[in-house]
Amino acid sequence: MDRVLPLVPAKNIFVITNEAQLPEVRKQLPKILKANLIASSSDAVVAGSAVVNQIASHGRSCDLVPQVSRFVRSLKTGG
């Protein structure tokens, strides 16, 4: 985190993990917003791949963070 925070605000960092690791991830990364922690038992890899794809497709886009945020919300709400 210490190396990344000078480059990217914590609000723009998303972490994808599984349910079993979530408590330790929260402990290790207290600066990450809880809303930006995505935990899932089996879908985490698929979600992570989709987010990476969005970043690769829109890497210099000024609206990248809102796009990824909407995508993550849709994962959490199922729509």
PDB file of N, CA and C in Angstrom:
ATOM      1  N   MET A   1       0.810  -1.187   0.000  1.00  0.00           N
ATOM      2  CA  MET A   1       0.000   0.000   0.000  1.00  0.00           C
ATOM      3  C   MET A   1       0.853   1.251   0.000  1.00  0.00           C
ATOM      4  N   ASP A   2       1.902   1.261   0.775  1.00  0.00           N
ATOM      5  CA  ASP A   2       2.711   2.468   0.886  1.00  0.00           C
ATOM      6  C   ASP A   2       3.320   2.882  -0.455  1.00  0.00           C
ATOM      7  N   ARG A   3       3.604   1.905  -1.305  1.00  0.00           N
ATOM      8  CA  ARG A   3       4.170   2.240  -2.621  1.00  0.00           C
ATOM      9  C   ARG A   3       3.096   2.690  -3.591  1.00  0.00           C
ATOM     10  N   VAL A   4       1.873   2.226  -3.409  1.00  0.00           N
ATOM     11  CA  VAL A   4       0.796   2.538  -4.352  1.00  0.00           C
ATOM     12  C   VAL A   4       0.111   3.864  -4.024  1.00  0.00           C
ATOM     13  N   LEU A   5      -0.072   4.170  -2.747  1.00  0.00           N
ATOM     14  CA  LEU A   5      -0.829   5.362  -2.354  1.00  0.00           C
ATOM     15  C   LEU A   5      -0.289   6.683  -2.898  1.00  0.00           C
ATOM     16  N   PRO A   6       1.009   6.845  -3.074  1.00  0.00           N
ATOM     17  CA  PRO A   6       1.454   8.101  -3.699  1.00  0.00           C
ATOM     18  C   PRO A   6       1.011   8.241  -5.159  1.00  0.00           C
ATOM     19  N   LEU A   7       0.686   7.133  -5.776  1.00  0.00           N
ATOM     20  CA  LEU A   7       0.311   7.130  -7.191  1.00  0.00           C
ATOM     21  C   LEU A   7      -1.194   7.112  -7.417  1.00  0.00           C
ATOM     22  N   VAL A   8      -1.924   6.444  -6.522  1.00  0.00           N
ATOM     23  CA  VAL A   8      -3.365   6.241  -6.692  1.00  0.00           C
ATOM     24  C   VAL A   8      -4.062   6.484  -5.359  1.00  0.00           C
ATOM     25  N   PRO A   9      -5.103   7.313  -5.349  1.00  0.00           N
ATOM     26  CA  PRO A   9      -5.835   7.508  -4.093  1.00  0.00           C
ATOM     27  C   PRO A   9      -6.499   6.207  -3.640  1.00  0.00           C
ATOM     28  N   ALA A  10      -6.578   5.994  -2.355  1.00  0.00           N
ATOM     29  CA  ALA A  10      -7.172   4.770  -1.805  1.00  0.00           C
ATOM     30  C   ALA A  10      -8.583   4.547  -2.323  1.00  0.00           C
ATOM     31  N   LYS A  11      -9.331   5.620  -2.569  1.00  0.00           N
ATOM     32  CA  LYS A  11     -10.710   5.470  -3.051  1.00  0.00           C
ATOM     33  C   LYS A  11     -10.770   4.842  -4.441  1.00  0.00           C
ATOM     34  N   ASN A  12      -9.650   4.838  -5.160  1.00  0.00           N
ATOM     35  CA  ASN A  12      -9.603   4.276  -6.507  1.00  0.00           C
ATOM     36  C   ASN A  12      -8.990   2.881  -6.555  1.00  0.00           C
ATOM     37  N   ILE A  13      -8.735   2.299  -5.392  1.00  0.00           N
ATOM     38  CA  ILE A  13      -8.141   0.967  -5.331  1.00  0.00           C
ATOM     39  C   ILE A  13      -9.222  -0.041  -4.969  1.00  0.00           C
ATOM     40  N   PHE A  14      -9.316  -1.082  -5.771  1.00  0.00           N
ATOM     41  CA  PHE A  14     -10.266  -2.167  -5.531  1.00  0.00           C
ATOM     42  C   PHE A  14      -9.476  -3.440  -5.254  1.00  0.00           C
ATOM     43  N   VAL A  15      -9.961  -4.236  -4.331  1.00  0.00           N
ATOM     44  CA  VAL A  15      -9.310  -5.500  -4.001  1.00  0.00           C
ATOM     45  C   VAL A  15     -10.342  -6.613  -4.161  1.00  0.00           C
ATOM     46  N   ILE A  16      -9.950  -7.626  -4.876  1.00  0.00           N
ATOM     47  CA  ILE A  16     -10.817  -8.785  -5.086  1.00  0.00           C
ATOM     48  C   ILE A  16     -10.222  -9.955  -4.335  1.00  0.00           C
ATOM     49  N   THR A  17     -11.030 -10.571  -3.498  1.00  0.00           N
ATOM     50  CA  THR A  17     -10.566 -11.686  -2.680  1.00  0.00           C
ATOM     51  C   THR A  17     -11.717 -12.662  -2.504  1.00  0.00           C
ATOM     52  N   ASN A  18     -11.493 -13.678  -1.712  1.00  0.00           N
ATOM     53  CA  ASN A  18     -12.582 -14.602  -1.417  1.00  0.00           C
ATOM     54  C   ASN A  18     -13.063 -14.358   0.014  1.00  0.00           C
ATOM     55  N   GLU A  19     -14.198 -14.932   0.358  1.00  0.00           N
ATOM     56  CA  GLU A  19     -14.806 -14.710   1.674  1.00  0.00           C
ATOM     57  C   GLU A  19     -13.872 -15.127   2.811  1.00  0.00           C
ATOM     58  N   ALA A  20     -13.141 -16.213   2.612  1.00  0.00           N
ATOM     59  CA  ALA A  20     -12.270 -16.715   3.675  1.00  0.00           C
ATOM     60  C   ALA A  20     -11.129 -15.745   3.987  1.00  0.00           C
ATOM     61  N   GLN A  21     -10.664 -15.034   2.996  1.00  0.00           N
ATOM     62  CA  GLN A  21      -9.531 -14.128   3.180  1.00  0.00           C
ATOM     63  C   GLN A  21      -9.942 -12.699   3.547  1.00  0.00           C
ATOM     64  N   LEU A  22     -11.214 -12.383   3.438  1.00  0.00           N
ATOM     65  CA  LEU A  22     -11.671 -11.010   3.644  1.00  0.00           C
ATOM     66  C   LEU A  22     -11.262 -10.408   4.989  1.00  0.00           C
ATOM     67  N   PRO A  23     -11.428 -11.103   6.119  1.00  0.00           N
ATOM     68  CA  PRO A  23     -11.011 -10.491   7.389  1.00  0.00           C
ATOM     69  C   PRO A  23      -9.525 -10.122   7.418  1.00  0.00           C
ATOM     70  N   GLU A  24      -8.678 -10.966   6.876  1.00  0.00           N
ATOM     71  CA  GLU A  24      -7.242 -10.670   6.864  1.00  0.00           C
ATOM     72  C   GLU A  24      -6.926  -9.533   5.891  1.00  0.00           C
ATOM     73  N   VAL A  25      -7.617  -9.493   4.767  1.00  0.00           N
ATOM     74  CA  VAL A  25      -7.407  -8.407   3.810  1.00  0.00           C
ATOM     75  C   VAL A  25      -7.777  -7.079   4.458  1.00  0.00           C
ATOM     76  N   ARG A  26      -8.909  -7.039   5.165  1.00  0.00           N
ATOM     77  CA  ARG A  26      -9.309  -5.810   5.863  1.00  0.00           C
ATOM     78  C   ARG A  26      -8.253  -5.396   6.887  1.00  0.00           C
ATOM     79  N   LYS A  27      -7.708  -6.380   7.586  1.00  0.00           N
ATOM     80  CA  LYS A  27      -6.685  -6.108   8.593  1.00  0.00           C
ATOM     81  C   LYS A  27      -5.400  -5.568   7.951  1.00  0.00           C
ATOM     82  N   GLN A  28      -5.009  -6.186   6.841  1.00  0.00           N
ATOM     83  CA  GLN A  28      -3.759  -5.808   6.176  1.00  0.00           C
ATOM     84  C   GLN A  28      -3.874  -4.503   5.376  1.00  0.00           C
ATOM     85  N   LEU A  29      -5.079  -4.181   4.925  1.00  0.00           N
ATOM     86  CA  LEU A  29      -5.282  -3.007   4.069  1.00  0.00           C
ATOM     87  C   LEU A  29      -6.357  -2.088   4.651  1.00  0.00           C
ATOM     88  N   PRO A  30      -6.117  -1.512   5.818  1.00  0.00           N
ATOM     89  CA  PRO A  30      -7.152  -0.709   6.467  1.00  0.00           C
ATOM     90  C   PRO A  30      -7.504   0.578   5.722  1.00  0.00           C
ATOM     91  N   LYS A  31      -6.655   1.028   4.814  1.00  0.00           N
ATOM     92  CA  LYS A  31      -6.926   2.267   4.091  1.00  0.00           C
ATOM     93  C   LYS A  31      -7.865   2.071   2.906  1.00  0.00           C
ATOM     94  N   ILE A  32      -8.098   0.820   2.538  1.00  0.00           N
ATOM     95  CA  ILE A  32      -9.013   0.541   1.430  1.00  0.00           C
ATOM     96  C   ILE A  32     -10.446   0.639   1.939  1.00  0.00           C
ATOM     97  N   LEU A  33     -11.279   1.353   1.195  1.00  0.00           N
ATOM     98  CA  LEU A  33     -12.684   1.478   1.568  1.00  0.00           C
ATOM     99  C   LEU A  33     -13.347   0.105   1.573  1.00  0.00           C
ATOM    100  N   LYS A  34     -14.195  -0.133   2.560  1.00  0.00           N
ATOM    101  CA  LYS A  34     -14.896  -1.421   2.611  1.00  0.00           C
ATOM    102  C   LYS A  34     -15.699  -1.662   1.343  1.00  0.00           C
ATOM    103  N   ALA A  35     -16.236  -0.590   0.781  1.00  0.00           N
ATOM    104  CA  ALA A  35     -17.014  -0.721  -0.455  1.00  0.00           C
ATOM    105  C   ALA A  35     -16.149  -1.160  -1.634  1.00  0.00           C
ATOM    106  N   ASN A  36     -14.839  -0.988  -1.519  1.00  0.00           N
ATOM    107  CA  ASN A  36     -13.934  -1.364  -2.599  1.00  0.00           C
ATOM    108  C   ASN A  36     -13.319  -2.747  -2.417  1.00  0.00           C
ATOM    109  N   LEU A  37     -13.759  -3.451  -1.392  1.00  0.00           N
ATOM    110  CA  LEU A  37     -13.327  -4.830  -1.186  1.00  0.00           C
ATOM    111  C   LEU A  37     -14.405  -5.753  -1.732  1.00  0.00           C
ATOM    112  N   ILE A  38     -14.056  -6.519  -2.722  1.00  0.00           N
ATOM    113  CA  ILE A  38     -15.004  -7.435  -3.349  1.00  0.00           C
ATOM    114  C   ILE A  38     -14.662  -8.838  -2.885  1.00  0.00           C
ATOM    115  N   ALA A  39     -15.606  -9.464  -2.194  1.00  0.00           N
ATOM    116  CA  ALA A  39     -15.373 -10.816  -1.691  1.00  0.00           C
ATOM    117  C   ALA A  39     -16.429 -11.752  -2.257  1.00  0.00           C
ATOM    118  N   SER A  40     -15.969 -12.870  -2.722  1.00  0.00           N
ATOM    119  CA  SER A  40     -16.854 -13.859  -3.307  1.00  0.00           C
ATOM    120  C   SER A  40     -16.183 -15.214  -3.205  1.00  0.00           C
ATOM    121  N   SER A  41     -16.976 -16.245  -3.101  1.00  0.00           N
ATOM    122  CA  SER A  41     -16.377 -17.566  -2.996  1.00  0.00           C
ATOM    123  C   SER A  41     -15.865 -18.064  -4.341  1.00  0.00           C
ATOM    124  N   SER A  42     -16.649 -17.934  -5.383  1.00  0.00           N
ATOM    125  CA  SER A  42     -16.206 -18.493  -6.659  1.00  0.00           C
ATOM    126  C   SER A  42     -16.133 -17.462  -7.777  1.00  0.00           C
ATOM    127  N   ASP A  43     -16.782 -16.341  -7.613  1.00  0.00           N
ATOM    128  CA  ASP A  43     -16.847 -15.364  -8.696  1.00  0.00           C
ATOM    129  C   ASP A  43     -15.722 -14.338  -8.669  1.00  0.00           C
ATOM    130  N   ALA A  44     -14.872 -14.378  -7.650  1.00  0.00           N
ATOM    131  CA  ALA A  44     -13.834 -13.358  -7.520  1.00  0.00           C
ATOM    132  C   ALA A  44     -12.894 -13.333  -8.720  1.00  0.00           C
ATOM    133  N   VAL A  45     -12.511 -14.484  -9.203  1.00  0.00           N
ATOM    134  CA  VAL A  45     -11.589 -14.521 -10.342  1.00  0.00           C
ATOM    135  C   VAL A  45     -12.260 -13.966 -11.587  1.00  0.00           C
ATOM    136  N   VAL A  46     -13.515 -14.314 -11.793  1.00  0.00           N
ATOM    137  CA  VAL A  46     -14.247 -13.811 -12.958  1.00  0.00           C
ATOM    138  C   VAL A  46     -14.405 -12.297 -12.852  1.00  0.00           C
ATOM    139  N   ALA A  47     -14.778 -11.814 -11.673  1.00  0.00           N
ATOM    140  CA  ALA A  47     -14.944 -10.378 -11.473  1.00  0.00           C
ATOM    141  C   ALA A  47     -13.611  -9.655 -11.673  1.00  0.00           C
ATOM    142  N   GLY A  48     -12.557 -10.225 -11.128  1.00  0.00           N
ATOM    143  CA  GLY A  48     -11.243  -9.618 -11.281  1.00  0.00           C
ATOM    144  C   GLY A  48     -10.829  -9.523 -12.736  1.00  0.00           C
ATOM    145  N   SER A  49     -11.086 -10.561 -13.478  1.00  0.00           N
ATOM    146  CA  SER A  49     -10.759 -10.542 -14.899  1.00  0.00           C
ATOM    147  C   SER A  49     -11.553  -9.470 -15.634  1.00  0.00           C
ATOM    148  N   ALA A  50     -12.811  -9.335 -15.274  1.00  0.00           N
ATOM    149  CA  ALA A  50     -13.653  -8.325 -15.920  1.00  0.00           C
ATOM    150  C   ALA A  50     -13.178  -6.912 -15.591  1.00  0.00           C
ATOM    151  N   VAL A  51     -12.787  -6.678 -14.345  1.00  0.00           N
ATOM    152  CA  VAL A  51     -12.280  -5.355 -13.956  1.00  0.00           C
ATOM    153  C   VAL A  51     -10.978  -5.057 -14.680  1.00  0.00           C
ATOM    154  N   VAL A  52     -10.078  -6.023 -14.728  1.00  0.00           N
ATOM    155  CA  VAL A  52      -8.818  -5.827 -15.446  1.00  0.00           C
ATOM    156  C   VAL A  52      -9.092  -5.540 -16.919  1.00  0.00           C
ATOM    157  N   ASN A  53     -10.062  -6.209 -17.499  1.00  0.00           N
ATOM    158  CA  ASN A  53     -10.433  -5.963 -18.887  1.00  0.00           C
ATOM    159  C   ASN A  53     -10.935  -4.536 -19.065  1.00  0.00           C
ATOM    160  N   GLN A  54     -11.760  -4.057 -18.140  1.00  0.00           N
ATOM    161  CA  GLN A  54     -12.244  -2.677 -18.205  1.00  0.00           C
ATOM    162  C   GLN A  54     -11.078  -1.696 -18.153  1.00  0.00           C
ATOM    163  N   ILE A  55     -10.143  -1.944 -17.266  1.00  0.00           N
ATOM    164  CA  ILE A  55      -8.993  -1.058 -17.131  1.00  0.00           C
ATOM    165  C   ILE A  55      -8.157  -1.072 -18.408  1.00  0.00           C
ATOM    166  N   ALA A  56      -7.946  -2.254 -18.958  1.00  0.00           N
ATOM    167  CA  ALA A  56      -7.164  -2.368 -20.185  1.00  0.00           C
ATOM    168  C   ALA A  56      -7.861  -1.659 -21.348  1.00  0.00           C
ATOM    169  N   SER A  57      -9.177  -1.736 -21.384  1.00  0.00           N
ATOM    170  CA  SER A  57      -9.940  -1.127 -22.471  1.00  0.00           C
ATOM    171  C   SER A  57     -10.034   0.384 -22.347  1.00  0.00           C
ATOM    172  N   HIS A  58     -10.023   0.883 -21.118  1.00  0.00           N
ATOM    173  CA  HIS A  58     -10.276   2.307 -20.885  1.00  0.00           C
ATOM    174  C   HIS A  58      -9.196   2.932 -20.010  1.00  0.00           C
ATOM    175  N   GLY A  59      -7.980   2.440 -20.100  1.00  0.00           N
ATOM    176  CA  GLY A  59      -6.909   2.836 -19.194  1.00  0.00           C
ATOM    177  C   GLY A  59      -6.641   4.314 -19.067  1.00  0.00           C
ATOM    178  N   ARG A  60      -6.825   5.071 -20.100  1.00  0.00           N
ATOM    179  CA  ARG A  60      -6.571   6.512 -20.032  1.00  0.00           C
ATOM    180  C   ARG A  60      -7.872   7.316 -19.981  1.00  0.00           C
ATOM    181  N   SER A  61      -8.976   6.643 -19.901  1.00  0.00           N
ATOM    182  CA  SER A  61     -10.269   7.326 -19.884  1.00  0.00           C
ATOM    183  C   SER A  61     -10.480   8.045 -18.566  1.00  0.00           C
ATOM    184  N   CYS A  62     -10.946   9.295 -18.636  1.00  0.00           N
ATOM    185  CA  CYS A  62     -11.166  10.065 -17.415  1.00  0.00           C
ATOM    186  C   CYS A  62     -12.338   9.521 -16.603  1.00  0.00           C
ATOM    187  N   ASP A  63     -13.187   8.729 -17.225  1.00  0.00           N
ATOM    188  CA  ASP A  63     -14.325   8.180 -16.486  1.00  0.00           C
ATOM    189  C   ASP A  63     -14.123   6.716 -16.108  1.00  0.00           C
ATOM    190  N   LEU A  64     -12.865   6.259 -16.076  1.00  0.00           N
ATOM    191  CA  LEU A  64     -12.573   4.864 -15.748  1.00  0.00           C
ATOM    192  C   LEU A  64     -13.067   4.493 -14.350  1.00  0.00           C
ATOM    193  N   VAL A  65     -12.769   5.313 -13.356  1.00  0.00           N
ATOM    194  CA  VAL A  65     -13.160   4.973 -11.989  1.00  0.00           C
ATOM    195  C   VAL A  65     -14.682   4.876 -11.865  1.00  0.00           C
ATOM    196  N   PRO A  66     -15.463   5.822 -12.391  1.00  0.00           N
ATOM    197  CA  PRO A  66     -16.917   5.648 -12.321  1.00  0.00           C
ATOM    198  C   PRO A  66     -17.395   4.391 -13.051  1.00  0.00           C
ATOM    199  N   GLN A  67     -16.761   4.064 -14.181  1.00  0.00           N
ATOM    200  CA  GLN A  67     -17.153   2.856 -14.908  1.00  0.00           C
ATOM    201  C   GLN A  67     -16.914   1.609 -14.069  1.00  0.00           C
ATOM    202  N   VAL A  68     -15.736   1.523 -13.484  1.00  0.00           N
ATOM    203  CA  VAL A  68     -15.407   0.362 -12.661  1.00  0.00           C
ATOM    204  C   VAL A  68     -16.298   0.344 -11.425  1.00  0.00           C
ATOM    205  N   SER A  69     -16.548   1.512 -10.850  1.00  0.00           N
ATOM    206  CA  SER A  69     -17.424   1.583  -9.672  1.00  0.00           C
ATOM    207  C   SER A  69     -18.824   1.073  -9.995  1.00  0.00           C
ATOM    208  N   ARG A  70     -19.361   1.471 -11.136  1.00  0.00           N
ATOM    209  CA  ARG A  70     -20.689   0.978 -11.551  1.00  0.00           C
ATOM    210  C   ARG A  70     -20.653  -0.537 -11.753  1.00  0.00           C
ATOM    211  N   PHE A  71     -19.582  -1.013 -12.370  1.00  0.00           N
ATOM    212  CA  PHE A  71     -19.453  -2.446 -12.597  1.00  0.00           C
ATOM    213  C   PHE A  71     -19.425  -3.213 -11.265  1.00  0.00           C
ATOM    214  N   VAL A  72     -18.636  -2.717 -10.324  1.00  0.00           N
ATOM    215  CA  VAL A  72     -18.540  -3.376  -9.018  1.00  0.00           C
ATOM    216  C   VAL A  72     -19.896  -3.345  -8.312  1.00  0.00           C
ATOM    217  N   ARG A  73     -20.583  -2.210  -8.365  1.00  0.00           N
ATOM    218  CA  ARG A  73     -21.926  -2.142  -7.754  1.00  0.00           C
ATOM    219  C   ARG A  73     -22.862  -3.156  -8.378  1.00  0.00           C
ATOM    220  N   SER A  74     -22.776  -3.311  -9.698  1.00  0.00           N
ATOM    221  CA  SER A  74     -23.651  -4.276 -10.364  1.00  0.00           C
ATOM    222  C   SER A  74     -23.332  -5.710  -9.911  1.00  0.00           C
ATOM    223  N   LEU A  75     -22.059  -5.978  -9.654  1.00  0.00           N
ATOM    224  CA  LEU A  75     -21.701  -7.309  -9.129  1.00  0.00           C
ATOM    225  C   LEU A  75     -22.300  -7.543  -7.751  1.00  0.00           C
ATOM    226  N   LYS A  76     -22.238  -6.494  -6.922  1.00  0.00           N
ATOM    227  CA  LYS A  76     -22.730  -6.625  -5.556  1.00  0.00           C
ATOM    228  C   LYS A  76     -24.242  -6.733  -5.507  1.00  0.00           C
ATOM    229  N   THR A  77     -24.940  -6.054  -6.415  1.00  0.00           N
ATOM    230  CA  THR A  77     -26.400  -6.043  -6.379  1.00  0.00           C
ATOM    231  C   THR A  77     -27.027  -7.064  -7.319  1.00  0.00           C
ATOM    232  N   GLY A  78     -26.209  -7.652  -8.157  1.00  0.00           N
ATOM    233  CA  GLY A  78     -26.727  -8.656  -9.083  1.00  0.00           C
ATOM    234  C   GLY A  78     -27.417  -8.046 -10.296  1.00  0.00           C
ATOM    235  N   GLY A  79     -27.146  -6.793 -10.563  1.00  0.00           N
ATOM    236  CA  GLY A  79     -27.794  -6.190 -11.729  1.00  0.00           C
ATOM    237  C   GLY A  79     -27.086  -5.023 -12.143  1.00  0.00           C
TER     238      GLY A  79
END
